[in-house]
């Protein structure tokens, strides 16, 4: 998963994450990573349409977004 996060941060590619928030709710988010360190990921969240900071330890999965060909 770290590889996907690093590549997305470098390329500014939108990815999908599955995240568990502080209330133990699991959400699906589409994000563009602005920056990251060992603990946090600073993203633009396309669902909330604003900047969000996610804890890496709470990200359950991360994946590329598969686009359908026309």
Protein backbone atom coordinates (compact mmCIF):
# COMPACT_ATOMS: atom_id res chain seq x y z
CA UNK A 1 0.00 0.00 0.00
CA UNK A 2 2.88 2.38 0.74
CA UNK A 3 3.97 2.14 -2.89
CA UNK A 4 0.57 3.27 -4.16
CA UNK A 5 0.54 6.20 -1.73
CA UNK A 6 4.06 7.31 -2.67
CA UNK A 7 3.37 7.07 -6.40
CA UNK A 8 0.10 8.99 -6.05
CA UNK A 9 1.88 11.71 -4.05
CA UNK A 10 4.56 12.04 -6.76
CA UNK A 11 2.17 12.03 -9.74
CA UNK A 12 -0.76 13.84 -8.07
CA UNK A 13 -2.99 11.05 -9.39
CA UNK A 14 -6.43 10.63 -7.77
CA UNK A 15 -6.73 7.38 -5.81
CA UNK A 16 -9.34 5.59 -3.75
CA UNK A 17 -8.82 4.88 -0.07
CA UNK A 18 -10.85 2.96 2.45
CA UNK A 19 -10.47 4.73 5.78
CA UNK A 20 -11.56 4.14 9.36
CA UNK A 21 -12.29 7.41 11.14
CA UNK A 22 -11.91 8.16 14.85
CA UNK A 23 -15.46 6.92 15.49
CA UNK A 24 -14.64 3.53 13.92
CA UNK A 25 -16.75 4.27 10.82
CA UNK A 26 -15.38 3.00 7.54
CA UNK A 27 -15.61 5.34 4.57
CA UNK A 28 -14.54 5.28 0.95
CA UNK A 29 -12.80 8.42 -0.25
CA UNK A 30 -11.36 9.60 -3.54
CA UNK A 31 -8.33 11.75 -2.78
CA UNK A 32 -5.42 13.56 -4.37
CA UNK A 33 -2.38 13.51 -2.11
CA UNK A 34 -0.75 16.90 -1.54
CA UNK A 35 2.00 15.68 0.80
CA UNK A 36 2.72 12.92 3.26
CA UNK A 37 5.06 11.94 6.07
CA UNK A 38 5.45 8.81 8.19
CA UNK A 39 2.23 9.47 10.12
CA UNK A 40 -0.17 11.64 8.10
CA UNK A 41 -1.33 12.14 4.55
CA UNK A 42 -2.43 15.64 3.55
CA UNK A 43 -5.02 15.25 0.77
CA UNK A 44 -7.69 16.97 -1.22
CA UNK A 45 -10.82 14.90 -0.58
CA UNK A 46 -13.08 14.88 -3.65
CA UNK A 47 -16.07 13.71 -1.55
CA UNK A 48 -15.90 16.58 0.95
CA UNK A 49 -14.44 18.98 -1.64
CA UNK A 50 -11.80 20.22 0.78
CA UNK A 51 -8.45 19.48 2.33
CA UNK A 52 -8.31 16.58 4.78
CA UNK A 53 -5.52 14.97 6.78
CA UNK A 54 -5.69 11.20 7.18
CA UNK A 55 -3.62 9.09 9.57
CA UNK A 56 -1.73 6.44 7.62
CA UNK A 57 -2.44 3.81 10.26
CA UNK A 58 -6.21 4.25 9.68
CA UNK A 59 -6.05 3.69 5.93
CA UNK A 60 -7.28 0.13 5.41
CA UNK A 61 -6.61 0.03 1.66
CA UNK A 62 -5.51 2.26 -1.20
CA UNK A 63 -5.90 1.62 -4.90
CA UNK A 64 -5.70 3.25 -8.28
CA UNK A 65 -8.95 4.31 -9.86
CA UNK A 66 -9.78 2.16 -12.87
CA UNK A 67 -11.26 4.19 -15.67
CA UNK A 68 -13.50 2.69 -18.31
CA UNK A 69 -12.41 3.07 -21.89
CA UNK A 70 -14.83 4.82 -24.18
